[in-house]
Amino acid sequence: HLLSDDDFAVTLRRRLLLGDPAGARGAPCRNVSVITGRVCGATDGQHLAEHGAKCGTGGGLIVRHNGVRDPLGDWLQERYGRNAVLMEQRMPDWDWDDRNGHYEAILDINLSYPGGKCSIDTTIVEAIAPPGSDDASLRARVPGAAAR
């Protein structure tokens, strides 16, 4: 895949952990929902463009997630057969509650293979998350491990 000059510049600035890699200069988020057509408009100015990398409105986070999940699922189907791999399966025994509400455990891949079963849930970790951010601390046992 070839990147345009603008995409390359943003990617390089993100890789170097430079502030405001897209050059938004504090402008509101312009991601548009594919479903509702609404513009995100967030102006929270999160450190190192964290909002832009995680914004759920534009779908980029989902595209990156599925870009890991789908090839892995395809590879497992090639290796173990189509019937051995189930995608996006709910695991009611793994549901949980916290102060923000009830969450259903829907795992990306469930694999049945000779001798056992395996459940896989892919997570996209954003290296530009600042130390101590909620998402980073929930998912990382060692702060900053994703950037190493």
N, C-alpha and C. Protein backbone atom coordinates (compact mmCIF):
# COMPACT_ATOMS: atom_id res chain seq x y z
N HIS A 1 0.83 -1.18 0.00
CA HIS A 1 0.00 0.00 0.00
C HIS A 1 0.88 1.25 0.00
N LEU A 2 0.53 2.20 -0.82
CA LEU A 2 1.25 3.45 -0.86
C LEU A 2 0.45 4.52 -0.14
N LEU A 3 1.12 5.34 0.63
CA LEU A 3 0.48 6.45 1.33
C LEU A 3 0.62 7.71 0.51
N SER A 4 -0.42 8.55 0.58
CA SER A 4 -0.30 9.87 -0.04
C SER A 4 0.72 10.67 0.78
N ASP A 5 1.18 11.79 0.25
CA ASP A 5 2.13 12.63 0.97
C ASP A 5 1.57 13.07 2.32
N ASP A 6 0.29 13.49 2.33
CA ASP A 6 -0.33 13.94 3.58
C ASP A 6 -0.43 12.79 4.59
N ASP A 7 -0.87 11.61 4.14
CA ASP A 7 -0.99 10.46 5.04
C ASP A 7 0.39 10.06 5.59
N PHE A 8 1.41 10.09 4.73
CA PHE A 8 2.75 9.76 5.18
C PHE A 8 3.22 10.74 6.25
N ALA A 9 2.99 12.03 6.02
CA ALA A 9 3.43 13.06 6.98
C ALA A 9 2.75 12.86 8.34
N VAL A 10 1.44 12.60 8.32
CA VAL A 10 0.72 12.37 9.58
C VAL A 10 1.24 11.11 10.26
N THR A 11 1.42 10.04 9.49
CA THR A 11 1.91 8.77 10.05
C THR A 11 3.29 8.95 10.68
N LEU A 12 4.17 9.67 10.00
CA LEU A 12 5.51 9.91 10.53
C LEU A 12 5.45 10.73 11.82
N ARG A 13 4.63 11.78 11.83
CA ARG A 13 4.51 12.61 13.03
C ARG A 13 3.93 11.81 14.20
N ARG A 14 2.97 10.92 13.92
CA ARG A 14 2.43 10.06 14.98
C ARG A 14 3.50 9.12 15.50
N ARG A 15 4.26 8.53 14.58
CA ARG A 15 5.32 7.59 14.97
C ARG A 15 6.36 8.27 15.85
N LEU A 16 6.65 9.52 15.57
CA LEU A 16 7.62 10.29 16.36
C LEU A 16 7.00 10.89 17.62
N LEU A 17 5.71 10.59 17.85
CA LEU A 17 4.96 11.07 19.02
C LEU A 17 4.95 12.59 19.12
N LEU A 18 4.86 13.25 17.97
CA LEU A 18 4.78 14.71 17.95
C LEU A 18 3.35 15.15 18.26
N GLY A 19 3.21 16.24 18.97
CA GLY A 19 1.89 16.76 19.26
C GLY A 19 1.19 17.21 18.00
N ASP A 20 -0.12 17.03 17.95
CA ASP A 20 -0.95 17.46 16.83
C ASP A 20 -0.43 16.94 15.49
N PRO A 21 -0.33 15.60 15.34
CA PRO A 21 0.27 15.06 14.11
C PRO A 21 -0.50 15.39 12.84
N ALA A 22 -1.80 15.63 12.95
CA ALA A 22 -2.59 15.93 11.75
C ALA A 22 -2.62 17.43 11.46
N GLY A 23 -2.05 18.23 12.33
CA GLY A 23 -2.02 19.68 12.12
C GLY A 23 -3.37 20.34 12.30
N ALA A 24 -4.20 19.81 13.20
CA ALA A 24 -5.54 20.35 13.41
C ALA A 24 -5.52 21.67 14.18
N ARG A 25 -4.44 21.93 14.91
CA ARG A 25 -4.29 23.16 15.69
C ARG A 25 -5.49 23.45 16.59
N GLY A 26 -6.02 22.41 17.25
CA GLY A 26 -7.12 22.58 18.19
C GLY A 26 -8.50 22.69 17.57
N ALA A 27 -8.60 22.53 16.26
CA ALA A 27 -9.91 22.59 15.60
C ALA A 27 -10.77 21.40 16.04
N PRO A 28 -12.09 21.54 16.02
CA PRO A 28 -12.97 20.43 16.42
C PRO A 28 -12.77 19.21 15.52
N CYS A 29 -13.02 18.05 16.08
CA CYS A 29 -12.94 16.78 15.33
C CYS A 29 -13.94 16.82 14.17
N ARG A 30 -13.48 16.44 12.99
CA ARG A 30 -14.33 16.49 11.80
C ARG A 30 -14.79 15.10 11.33
N ASN A 31 -14.57 14.07 12.17
CA ASN A 31 -15.05 12.74 11.80
C ASN A 31 -16.57 12.75 11.69
N VAL A 32 -17.08 12.06 10.66
CA VAL A 32 -18.52 12.02 10.39
C VAL A 32 -19.02 10.60 10.55
N SER A 33 -20.12 10.43 11.27
CA SER A 33 -20.74 9.12 11.45
C SER A 33 -21.31 8.63 10.14
N VAL A 34 -20.96 7.40 9.77
CA VAL A 34 -21.49 6.79 8.56
C VAL A 34 -22.99 6.53 8.71
N ILE A 35 -23.44 6.26 9.93
CA ILE A 35 -24.83 5.90 10.18
C ILE A 35 -25.72 7.14 10.27
N THR A 36 -25.33 8.12 11.08
CA THR A 36 -26.20 9.28 11.32
C THR A 36 -25.84 10.50 10.49
N GLY A 37 -24.61 10.56 9.97
CA GLY A 37 -24.16 11.73 9.22
C GLY A 37 -23.74 12.88 10.11
N ARG A 38 -23.77 12.66 11.45
CA ARG A 38 -23.39 13.70 12.39
C ARG A 38 -21.88 13.84 12.49
N VAL A 39 -21.42 15.08 12.65
CA VAL A 39 -20.00 15.35 12.85
C VAL A 39 -19.70 15.23 14.34
N CYS A 40 -18.57 14.63 14.69
CA CYS A 40 -18.20 14.44 16.10
C CYS A 40 -18.12 15.79 16.81
N GLY A 41 -17.23 16.67 16.33
CA GLY A 41 -17.13 18.02 16.89
C GLY A 41 -16.42 18.14 18.21
N ALA A 42 -15.83 17.07 18.73
CA ALA A 42 -15.14 17.13 20.03
C ALA A 42 -14.01 18.16 19.97
N THR A 43 -13.86 18.91 21.05
CA THR A 43 -12.81 19.92 21.13
C THR A 43 -11.98 19.74 22.39
N ASP A 44 -11.89 18.51 22.85
CA ASP A 44 -11.25 18.27 24.14
C ASP A 44 -9.73 18.42 24.12
N GLY A 45 -9.12 18.50 22.95
CA GLY A 45 -7.68 18.74 22.85
C GLY A 45 -6.84 17.73 23.59
N GLN A 46 -7.21 16.46 23.53
CA GLN A 46 -6.46 15.44 24.24
C GLN A 46 -5.01 15.41 23.77
N HIS A 47 -4.15 15.07 24.67
CA HIS A 47 -2.71 15.03 24.46
C HIS A 47 -2.33 14.20 23.23
N LEU A 48 -1.48 14.73 22.39
CA LEU A 48 -0.93 14.04 21.23
C LEU A 48 -2.00 13.45 20.31
N ALA A 49 -3.07 14.18 20.13
CA ALA A 49 -4.13 13.78 19.20
C ALA A 49 -4.75 12.44 19.55
N GLU A 50 -4.81 12.12 20.83
CA GLU A 50 -5.39 10.84 21.25
C GLU A 50 -6.83 10.72 20.79
N HIS A 51 -7.60 11.78 20.87
CA HIS A 51 -9.00 11.71 20.44
C HIS A 51 -9.12 11.29 18.99
N GLY A 52 -8.33 11.89 18.12
CA GLY A 52 -8.41 11.57 16.70
C GLY A 52 -8.12 10.11 16.40
N ALA A 53 -7.24 9.51 17.19
CA ALA A 53 -6.89 8.11 16.97
C ALA A 53 -7.95 7.16 17.50
N LYS A 54 -8.72 7.60 18.50
CA LYS A 54 -9.70 6.73 19.15
C LYS A 54 -11.15 7.09 18.84
N CYS A 55 -11.39 8.16 18.13
CA CYS A 55 -12.75 8.64 17.90
C CYS A 55 -13.59 7.55 17.23
N GLY A 56 -14.69 7.18 17.87
CA GLY A 56 -15.56 6.14 17.34
C GLY A 56 -16.51 6.63 16.27
N THR A 57 -16.62 7.94 16.11
CA THR A 57 -17.58 8.49 15.15
C THR A 57 -17.21 8.18 13.71
N GLY A 58 -15.94 8.31 13.36
CA GLY A 58 -15.53 8.13 11.97
C GLY A 58 -15.32 6.70 11.55
N GLY A 59 -15.23 5.78 12.49
CA GLY A 59 -15.08 4.38 12.15
C GLY A 59 -13.65 3.90 11.97
N GLY A 60 -12.67 4.79 12.10
CA GLY A 60 -11.27 4.39 11.90
C GLY A 60 -10.81 3.34 12.89
N LEU A 61 -11.25 3.47 14.14
CA LEU A 61 -10.87 2.51 15.16
C LEU A 61 -11.42 1.13 14.82
N ILE A 62 -12.65 1.07 14.34
CA ILE A 62 -13.26 -0.21 13.97
C ILE A 62 -12.56 -0.80 12.76
N VAL A 63 -12.20 0.04 11.80
CA VAL A 63 -11.49 -0.44 10.61
C VAL A 63 -10.15 -1.05 11.02
N ARG A 64 -9.42 -0.39 11.92
CA ARG A 64 -8.13 -0.93 12.37
C ARG A 64 -8.32 -2.23 13.14
N HIS A 65 -9.35 -2.28 14.00
CA HIS A 65 -9.65 -3.50 14.76
C HIS A 65 -9.97 -4.66 13.81
N ASN A 66 -10.87 -4.41 12.85
CA ASN A 66 -11.26 -5.47 11.92
C ASN A 66 -10.11 -5.86 11.00
N GLY A 67 -9.18 -4.95 10.77
CA GLY A 67 -8.01 -5.25 9.97
C GLY A 67 -7.07 -6.25 10.63
N VAL A 68 -7.22 -6.43 11.94
CA VAL A 68 -6.47 -7.46 12.66
C VAL A 68 -7.34 -8.71 12.81
N ARG A 69 -8.59 -8.53 13.23
CA ARG A 69 -9.49 -9.65 13.49
C ARG A 69 -9.74 -10.50 12.25
N ASP A 70 -10.08 -9.87 11.12
CA ASP A 70 -10.49 -10.63 9.94
C ASP A 70 -9.38 -11.49 9.35
N PRO A 71 -8.16 -10.97 9.15
CA PRO A 71 -7.11 -11.85 8.63
C PRO A 71 -6.77 -13.00 9.59
N LEU A 72 -6.82 -12.72 10.90
CA LEU A 72 -6.56 -13.79 11.87
C LEU A 72 -7.64 -14.86 11.77
N GLY A 73 -8.90 -14.45 11.69
CA GLY A 73 -10.00 -15.40 11.54
C GLY A 73 -9.88 -16.20 10.25
N ASP A 74 -9.53 -15.51 9.17
CA ASP A 74 -9.35 -16.20 7.88
C ASP A 74 -8.24 -17.24 7.97
N TRP A 75 -7.12 -16.86 8.57
CA TRP A 75 -5.99 -17.79 8.71
C TRP A 75 -6.38 -19.01 9.54
N LEU A 76 -7.10 -18.78 10.65
CA LEU A 76 -7.52 -19.90 11.49
C LEU A 76 -8.50 -20.80 10.74
N GLN A 77 -9.38 -20.22 9.92
CA GLN A 77 -10.29 -21.04 9.11
C GLN A 77 -9.52 -21.89 8.10
N GLU A 78 -8.49 -21.32 7.49
CA GLU A 78 -7.67 -22.10 6.56
C GLU A 78 -6.98 -23.26 7.27
N ARG A 79 -6.55 -23.01 8.49
CA ARG A 79 -5.79 -24.01 9.24
C ARG A 79 -6.68 -25.08 9.86
N TYR A 80 -7.83 -24.69 10.43
CA TYR A 80 -8.67 -25.62 11.19
C TYR A 80 -10.02 -25.92 10.55
N GLY A 81 -10.36 -25.23 9.47
CA GLY A 81 -11.64 -25.44 8.80
C GLY A 81 -12.66 -24.37 9.18
N ARG A 82 -13.56 -24.12 8.27
CA ARG A 82 -14.55 -23.06 8.44
C ARG A 82 -15.45 -23.27 9.65
N ASN A 83 -15.81 -24.51 9.93
CA ASN A 83 -16.71 -24.80 11.06
C ASN A 83 -16.04 -24.67 12.42
N ALA A 84 -14.72 -24.63 12.45
CA ALA A 84 -13.99 -24.55 13.71
C ALA A 84 -13.91 -23.12 14.24
N VAL A 85 -14.21 -22.13 13.40
CA VAL A 85 -14.03 -20.72 13.78
C VAL A 85 -15.37 -20.00 13.76
N LEU A 86 -15.73 -19.42 14.89
CA LEU A 86 -16.94 -18.59 14.99
C LEU A 86 -16.51 -17.17 15.30
N MET A 87 -17.09 -16.21 14.59
CA MET A 87 -16.73 -14.80 14.77
C MET A 87 -17.82 -14.10 15.58
N GLU A 88 -17.40 -13.12 16.40
CA GLU A 88 -18.31 -12.25 17.15
C GLU A 88 -19.34 -13.05 17.95
N GLN A 89 -18.87 -13.87 18.86
CA GLN A 89 -19.75 -14.70 19.68
C GLN A 89 -19.86 -14.13 21.08
N ARG A 90 -21.07 -14.08 21.62
CA ARG A 90 -21.29 -13.60 22.98
C ARG A 90 -20.96 -14.72 23.96
N MET A 91 -20.28 -14.35 25.03
CA MET A 91 -19.90 -15.28 26.08
C MET A 91 -20.55 -14.80 27.37
N PRO A 92 -21.82 -15.19 27.63
CA PRO A 92 -22.56 -14.66 28.79
C PRO A 92 -21.86 -14.87 30.13
N ASP A 93 -21.09 -15.95 30.27
CA ASP A 93 -20.39 -16.19 31.54
C ASP A 93 -19.30 -15.16 31.80
N TRP A 94 -18.90 -14.44 30.76
CA TRP A 94 -17.84 -13.46 30.90
C TRP A 94 -18.35 -12.02 30.97
N ASP A 95 -19.67 -11.82 30.98
CA ASP A 95 -20.24 -10.47 31.13
C ASP A 95 -19.76 -9.87 32.45
N TRP A 96 -19.74 -8.54 32.53
CA TRP A 96 -19.33 -7.89 33.77
C TRP A 96 -20.08 -6.59 33.97
N ASP A 97 -20.06 -6.13 35.22
CA ASP A 97 -20.67 -4.87 35.61
C ASP A 97 -19.60 -4.01 36.29
N ASP A 98 -19.72 -2.72 36.07
CA ASP A 98 -18.90 -1.78 36.83
C ASP A 98 -19.75 -0.54 37.08
N ARG A 99 -19.13 0.52 37.58
CA ARG A 99 -19.90 1.71 37.94
C ARG A 99 -20.58 2.38 36.75
N ASN A 100 -20.13 2.07 35.52
CA ASN A 100 -20.72 2.67 34.32
C ASN A 100 -21.82 1.83 33.69
N GLY A 101 -22.05 0.63 34.22
CA GLY A 101 -23.13 -0.18 33.67
C GLY A 101 -22.75 -1.62 33.43
N HIS A 102 -23.59 -2.29 32.65
CA HIS A 102 -23.42 -3.72 32.35
C HIS A 102 -22.79 -3.87 30.97
N TYR A 103 -21.84 -4.77 30.86
CA TYR A 103 -21.16 -5.01 29.60
C TYR A 103 -21.28 -6.47 29.21
N GLU A 104 -21.62 -6.70 27.94
CA GLU A 104 -21.70 -8.06 27.42
C GLU A 104 -20.37 -8.42 26.77
N ALA A 105 -19.89 -9.60 27.08
CA ALA A 105 -18.63 -10.07 26.50
C ALA A 105 -18.91 -10.69 25.13
N ILE A 106 -18.52 -9.97 24.10
CA ILE A 106 -18.64 -10.47 22.73
C ILE A 106 -17.22 -10.56 22.21
N LEU A 107 -16.74 -11.80 22.06
CA LEU A 107 -15.36 -12.01 21.67
C LEU A 107 -15.26 -12.14 20.16
N ASP A 108 -14.13 -11.71 19.64
CA ASP A 108 -13.94 -11.65 18.19
C ASP A 108 -13.91 -13.01 17.53
N ILE A 109 -13.18 -13.95 18.12
CA ILE A 109 -12.99 -15.25 17.49
C ILE A 109 -13.10 -16.34 18.56
N ASN A 110 -13.88 -17.37 18.26
CA ASN A 110 -13.91 -18.57 19.09
C ASN A 110 -13.47 -19.73 18.22
N LEU A 111 -12.42 -20.41 18.64
CA LEU A 111 -11.82 -21.48 17.86
C LEU A 111 -11.98 -22.80 18.60
N SER A 112 -12.51 -23.80 17.90
CA SER A 112 -12.54 -25.17 18.41
C SER A 112 -11.52 -25.95 17.59
N TYR A 113 -10.54 -26.49 18.27
CA TYR A 113 -9.47 -27.22 17.58
C TYR A 113 -9.30 -28.57 18.25
N PRO A 114 -8.63 -29.49 17.60
CA PRO A 114 -8.43 -30.80 18.22
C PRO A 114 -7.76 -30.65 19.59
N GLY A 115 -8.46 -31.06 20.61
CA GLY A 115 -7.89 -30.98 21.95
C GLY A 115 -8.33 -29.78 22.76
N GLY A 116 -9.15 -28.89 22.22
CA GLY A 116 -9.59 -27.78 23.05
C GLY A 116 -10.32 -26.68 22.32
N LYS A 117 -10.52 -25.60 23.07
CA LYS A 117 -11.18 -24.41 22.55
C LYS A 117 -10.36 -23.20 22.97
N CYS A 118 -10.50 -22.14 22.19
CA CYS A 118 -9.76 -20.91 22.47
C CYS A 118 -10.64 -19.73 22.07
N SER A 119 -10.70 -18.71 22.92
CA SER A 119 -11.43 -17.48 22.61
C SER A 119 -10.42 -16.35 22.46
N ILE A 120 -10.59 -15.54 21.42
CA ILE A 120 -9.65 -14.46 21.12
C ILE A 120 -10.42 -13.15 21.01
N ASP A 121 -9.93 -12.13 21.68
CA ASP A 121 -10.51 -10.81 21.56
C ASP A 121 -9.39 -9.85 21.20
N THR A 122 -9.41 -9.30 20.00
CA THR A 122 -8.35 -8.39 19.58
C THR A 122 -8.60 -7.00 20.13
N THR A 123 -7.53 -6.31 20.48
CA THR A 123 -7.61 -4.96 20.99
C THR A 123 -6.57 -4.11 20.26
N ILE A 124 -6.98 -2.95 19.82
CA ILE A 124 -6.06 -2.02 19.18
C ILE A 124 -5.56 -1.07 20.27
N VAL A 125 -4.28 -1.11 20.51
CA VAL A 125 -3.67 -0.26 21.53
C VAL A 125 -3.05 0.94 20.82
N GLU A 126 -3.35 2.11 21.32
CA GLU A 126 -2.86 3.34 20.70
C GLU A 126 -1.62 3.82 21.44
N ALA A 127 -0.51 3.81 20.76
CA ALA A 127 0.76 4.19 21.38
C ALA A 127 0.78 5.65 21.82
N ILE A 128 -0.07 6.50 21.25
CA ILE A 128 -0.02 7.92 21.62
C ILE A 128 -0.86 8.25 22.84
N ALA A 129 -1.44 7.22 23.50
CA ALA A 129 -2.20 7.49 24.72
C ALA A 129 -1.24 7.99 25.79
N PRO A 130 -1.61 9.06 26.49
CA PRO A 130 -0.72 9.58 27.52
C PRO A 130 -0.65 8.64 28.71
N PRO A 131 0.44 8.63 29.45
CA PRO A 131 0.56 7.79 30.64
C PRO A 131 -0.59 8.07 31.60
N GLY A 132 -1.19 7.00 32.12
CA GLY A 132 -2.25 7.15 33.10
C GLY A 132 -3.63 7.37 32.51
N SER A 133 -3.78 7.36 31.17
CA SER A 133 -5.12 7.53 30.60
C SER A 133 -5.94 6.30 30.93
N ASP A 134 -7.25 6.45 31.04
CA ASP A 134 -8.11 5.36 31.47
C ASP A 134 -7.96 4.12 30.60
N ASP A 135 -8.04 4.28 29.28
CA ASP A 135 -7.96 3.12 28.40
C ASP A 135 -6.62 2.42 28.51
N ALA A 136 -5.55 3.19 28.57
CA ALA A 136 -4.22 2.59 28.65
C ALA A 136 -4.07 1.80 29.95
N SER A 137 -4.53 2.36 31.06
CA SER A 137 -4.35 1.67 32.33
C SER A 137 -5.24 0.44 32.44
N LEU A 138 -6.39 0.44 31.77
CA LEU A 138 -7.25 -0.73 31.79
C LEU A 138 -6.65 -1.89 31.01
N ARG A 139 -5.94 -1.61 29.94
CA ARG A 139 -5.49 -2.66 29.03
C ARG A 139 -4.02 -3.04 29.17
N ALA A 140 -3.23 -2.24 29.83
CA ALA A 140 -1.80 -2.52 29.89
C ALA A 140 -1.38 -2.90 31.30
N ARG A 141 -0.69 -4.01 31.42
CA ARG A 141 -0.14 -4.38 32.72
C ARG A 141 1.08 -3.51 33.03
N VAL A 142 1.82 -3.14 31.99
CA VAL A 142 2.99 -2.29 32.15
C VAL A 142 2.73 -1.00 31.37
N PRO A 143 2.58 0.15 32.06
CA PRO A 143 2.30 1.40 31.35
C PRO A 143 3.33 1.68 30.28
N GLY A 144 2.84 2.03 29.09
CA GLY A 144 3.71 2.37 27.98
C GLY A 144 4.21 1.17 27.20
N ALA A 145 3.79 -0.05 27.56
CA ALA A 145 4.30 -1.24 26.90
C ALA A 145 4.00 -1.26 25.41
N ALA A 146 2.88 -0.67 25.00
CA ALA A 146 2.52 -0.69 23.58
C ALA A 146 3.50 0.11 22.73
N ALA A 147 4.15 1.08 23.31
CA ALA A 147 5.06 1.93 22.55
C ALA A 147 6.49 1.38 22.51
N ARG A 148 6.75 0.32 23.24
CA ARG A 148 8.12 -0.22 23.28
C ARG A 148 8.37 -1.19 22.17
